[in-house]
Amino acid sequence: MNIAGVEEEAVWFFTHRNAPKTDEIKEDQKVALSLQSPNSYIFASGSAKLIKDQQKINKLWKDEYKAWFPKDTKKEDISLIKVIPKDGEYWDYTSGTGILSYMLGSQPKGENEKVQM
């Protein structure tokens, strides 16, 4: 999934209202996020809520989302997923080796920190 927006207390995603993940969130709001770039990795856990707010959809909307939602945002069956992280951990490998080192059996080198949000 593509991150639609980040605010102090939340990470936002677009989804189709009838996507299987919406049923999963209705059943259990506990979620985990895993994000990776070439030199960093972030893991966060928290809770998710399904939001149908046309003003927020319009605020977060980018033309690139038309690939997944080709109709007008008012006609499309769009919902937002609001993830509120509770705690997380990040690894910064800009000055060392990354997660690949760990997967290959050696100790990664870089910065690591656990955070409470």
C-alpha atoms as a PDB file:
ATOM      1  CA  MET A   1       0.000   0.000   0.000  1.00  0.00           C
ATOM      2  CA  ASN A   2       1.053   3.545  -0.635  1.00  0.00           C
ATOM      3  CA  ILE A   3       1.093   5.967   2.301  1.00  0.00           C
ATOM      4  CA  ALA A   4      -1.403   8.712   1.527  1.00  0.00           C
ATOM      5  CA  GLY A   5      -0.407  10.985   4.376  1.00  0.00           C
ATOM      6  CA  VAL A   6       1.352  11.233   7.714  1.00  0.00           C
ATOM      7  CA  GLU A   7       0.250  13.380  10.616  1.00  0.00           C
ATOM      8  CA  GLU A   8       1.606  13.609  14.122  1.00  0.00           C
ATOM      9  CA  GLU A   9      -0.680  10.891  15.425  1.00  0.00           C
ATOM     10  CA  ALA A  10      -1.634   8.944  12.302  1.00  0.00           C
ATOM     11  CA  VAL A  11      -0.600   7.343   9.034  1.00  0.00           C
ATOM     12  CA  TRP A  12      -3.259   7.371   6.286  1.00  0.00           C
ATOM     13  CA  PHE A  13      -3.938   4.910   3.455  1.00  0.00           C
ATOM     14  CA  PHE A  14      -6.582   4.710   0.723  1.00  0.00           C
ATOM     15  CA  THR A  15      -8.549   1.507   0.176  1.00  0.00           C
ATOM     16  CA  HIS A  16     -11.651   0.266  -1.576  1.00  0.00           C
ATOM     17  CA  ARG A  17     -14.507   0.135   0.914  1.00  0.00           C
ATOM     18  CA  ASN A  18     -15.192  -3.541   0.142  1.00  0.00           C
ATOM     19  CA  ALA A  19     -11.561  -4.725   0.106  1.00  0.00           C
ATOM     20  CA  PRO A  20     -10.840  -7.799   2.280  1.00  0.00           C
ATOM     21  CA  LYS A  21      -8.613  -5.723   4.555  1.00  0.00           C
ATOM     22  CA  THR A  22     -11.620  -3.629   5.592  1.00  0.00           C
ATOM     23  CA  ASP A  23     -13.320  -6.755   6.971  1.00  0.00           C
ATOM     24  CA  GLU A  24     -10.097  -7.669   8.770  1.00  0.00           C
ATOM     25  CA  ILE A  25      -9.909  -4.217  10.391  1.00  0.00           C
ATOM     26  CA  LYS A  26     -13.567  -4.411  11.442  1.00  0.00           C
ATOM     27  CA  GLU A  27     -12.825  -7.739  13.117  1.00  0.00           C
ATOM     28  CA  ASP A  28      -9.500  -6.781  14.730  1.00  0.00           C
ATOM     29  CA  GLN A  29      -8.163  -3.219  14.798  1.00  0.00           C
ATOM     30  CA  LYS A  30      -4.611  -4.229  15.774  1.00  0.00           C
ATOM     31  CA  VAL A  31      -2.219  -3.655  12.871  1.00  0.00           C
ATOM     32  CA  ALA A  32       1.480  -3.599  12.046  1.00  0.00           C
ATOM     33  CA  LEU A  33       3.306  -1.417   9.549  1.00  0.00           C
ATOM     34  CA  SER A  34       6.552  -2.414   7.917  1.00  0.00           C
ATOM     35  CA  LEU A  35       8.355   0.154   5.746  1.00  0.00           C
ATOM     36  CA  GLN A  36      11.718  -0.130   4.024  1.00  0.00           C
ATOM     37  CA  SER A  37      14.021   2.016   1.941  1.00  0.00           C
ATOM     38  CA  PRO A  38      17.526   1.120   0.754  1.00  0.00           C
ATOM     39  CA  ASN A  39      19.082   2.457   3.980  1.00  0.00           C
ATOM     40  CA  SER A  40      16.379   2.211   6.619  1.00  0.00           C
ATOM     41  CA  TYR A  41      13.651  -0.004   7.985  1.00  0.00           C
ATOM     42  CA  ILE A  42      10.694   0.931  10.204  1.00  0.00           C
ATOM     43  CA  PHE A  43       8.284  -1.320  12.054  1.00  0.00           C
ATOM     44  CA  ALA A  44       5.310   0.054  14.000  1.00  0.00           C
ATOM     45  CA  SER A  45       2.307  -1.522  15.670  1.00  0.00           C
ATOM     46  CA  GLY A  46      -0.917   0.146  16.642  1.00  0.00           C
ATOM     47  CA  SER A  47      -4.589   0.317  15.771  1.00  0.00           C
ATOM     48  CA  ALA A  48      -6.524   1.060  12.580  1.00  0.00           C
ATOM     49  CA  LYS A  49      -9.863   2.707  11.890  1.00  0.00           C
ATOM     50  CA  LEU A  50     -11.883   2.862   8.680  1.00  0.00           C
ATOM     51  CA  ILE A  51     -12.826   6.434   7.826  1.00  0.00           C
ATOM     52  CA  LYS A  52     -15.283   7.685   5.189  1.00  0.00           C
ATOM     53  CA  ASP A  53     -14.676  11.437   5.114  1.00  0.00           C
ATOM     54  CA  GLN A  54     -14.909  13.118   1.719  1.00  0.00           C
ATOM     55  CA  GLN A  55     -13.032  16.232   2.883  1.00  0.00           C
ATOM     56  CA  LYS A  56     -10.114  14.121   4.136  1.00  0.00           C
ATOM     57  CA  ILE A  57     -10.167  12.041   0.934  1.00  0.00           C
ATOM     58  CA  ASN A  58      -9.958  15.250  -1.120  1.00  0.00           C
ATOM     59  CA  LYS A  59      -7.134  16.602   1.061  1.00  0.00           C
ATOM     60  CA  LEU A  60      -5.012  13.446   0.737  1.00  0.00           C
ATOM     61  CA  TRP A  61      -5.838  12.698  -2.913  1.00  0.00           C
ATOM     62  CA  LYS A  62      -3.044  12.607  -5.524  1.00  0.00           C
ATOM     63  CA  ASP A  63      -3.516  12.040  -9.248  1.00  0.00           C
ATOM     64  CA  GLU A  64      -1.297   8.943  -9.072  1.00  0.00           C
ATOM     65  CA  TYR A  65      -4.085   7.180  -7.111  1.00  0.00           C
ATOM     66  CA  LYS A  66      -6.177   7.102 -10.294  1.00  0.00           C
ATOM     67  CA  ALA A  67      -4.304   3.891 -11.149  1.00  0.00           C
ATOM     68  CA  TRP A  68      -6.217   2.185  -8.314  1.00  0.00           C
ATOM     69  CA  PHE A  69      -9.297   4.407  -8.220  1.00  0.00           C
ATOM     70  CA  PRO A  70     -10.043   5.463 -11.832  1.00  0.00           C
ATOM     71  CA  LYS A  71     -13.450   7.032 -11.143  1.00  0.00           C
ATOM     72  CA  ASP A  72     -14.129  10.389  -9.540  1.00  0.00           C
ATOM     73  CA  THR A  73     -13.422  10.281  -5.781  1.00  0.00           C
ATOM     74  CA  LYS A  74     -17.073  11.054  -5.025  1.00  0.00           C
ATOM     75  CA  LYS A  75     -18.290   8.176  -7.194  1.00  0.00           C
ATOM     76  CA  GLU A  76     -15.589   5.696  -6.248  1.00  0.00           C
ATOM     77  CA  ASP A  77     -16.104   3.345  -3.327  1.00  0.00           C
ATOM     78  CA  ILE A  78     -13.161   4.802  -1.379  1.00  0.00           C
ATOM     79  CA  SER A  79     -12.419   4.629   2.321  1.00  0.00           C
ATOM     80  CA  LEU A  80      -9.432   5.728   4.311  1.00  0.00           C
ATOM     81  CA  ILE A  81      -7.511   3.622   6.757  1.00  0.00           C
ATOM     82  CA  LYS A  82      -6.206   5.652   9.670  1.00  0.00           C
ATOM     83  CA  VAL A  83      -3.388   3.881  11.503  1.00  0.00           C
ATOM     84  CA  ILE A  84      -2.488   5.190  14.930  1.00  0.00           C
ATOM     85  CA  PRO A  85       0.941   3.810  15.860  1.00  0.00           C
ATOM     86  CA  LYS A  86       1.505   2.843  19.481  1.00  0.00           C
ATOM     87  CA  ASP A  87       5.117   1.743  19.416  1.00  0.00           C
ATOM     88  CA  GLY A  88       7.769   1.078  16.857  1.00  0.00           C
ATOM     89  CA  GLU A  89      11.365   0.438  16.020  1.00  0.00           C
ATOM     90  CA  TYR A  90      13.639   1.800  13.331  1.00  0.00           C
ATOM     91  CA  TRP A  91      16.975   0.873  11.875  1.00  0.00           C
ATOM     92  CA  ASP A  92      19.164   3.369  10.027  1.00  0.00           C
ATOM     93  CA  TYR A  93      21.917   1.810   7.948  1.00  0.00           C
ATOM     94  CA  THR A  94      23.197   4.886   6.106  1.00  0.00           C
ATOM     95  CA  SER A  95      26.615   4.375   7.704  1.00  0.00           C
ATOM     96  CA  GLY A  96      26.631   0.594   7.846  1.00  0.00           C
ATOM     97  CA  THR A  97      25.043  -2.562   6.549  1.00  0.00           C
ATOM     98  CA  GLY A  98      21.342  -3.220   6.409  1.00  0.00           C
ATOM     99  CA  ILE A  99      18.773  -5.903   6.928  1.00  0.00           C
ATOM    100  CA  LEU A 100      20.362  -7.988   4.175  1.00  0.00           C
ATOM    101  CA  SER A 101      23.344  -8.568   6.484  1.00  0.00           C
ATOM    102  CA  TYR A 102      21.017  -9.920   9.140  1.00  0.00           C
ATOM    103  CA  MET A 103      19.299 -12.187   6.631  1.00  0.00           C
ATOM    104  CA  LEU A 104      22.690 -13.519   5.507  1.00  0.00           C
ATOM    105  CA  GLY A 105      23.641 -14.382   9.088  1.00  0.00           C
ATOM    106  CA  SER A 106      25.855 -11.460  10.127  1.00  0.00           C
ATOM    107  CA  GLN A 107      25.148  -8.652  12.560  1.00  0.00           C
ATOM    108  CA  PRO A 108      23.875  -5.495  10.835  1.00  0.00           C
ATOM    109  CA  LYS A 109      25.756  -2.272  11.560  1.00  0.00           C
ATOM    110  CA  GLY A 110      23.910   1.004  11.980  1.00  0.00           C
ATOM    111  CA  GLU A 111      21.598   2.820  14.387  1.00  0.00           C
ATOM    112  CA  ASN A 112      18.595   1.187  16.019  1.00  0.00           C
ATOM    113  CA  GLU A 113      16.029   2.553  18.459  1.00  0.00           C
ATOM    114  CA  LYS A 114      12.686   1.515  19.939  1.00  0.00           C
ATOM    115  CA  VAL A 115      10.121   4.245  20.473  1.00  0.00           C
ATOM    116  CA  GLN A 116       6.787   4.632  22.271  1.00  0.00           C
ATOM    117  CA  MET A 117       4.291   6.938  20.598  1.00  0.00           C
END
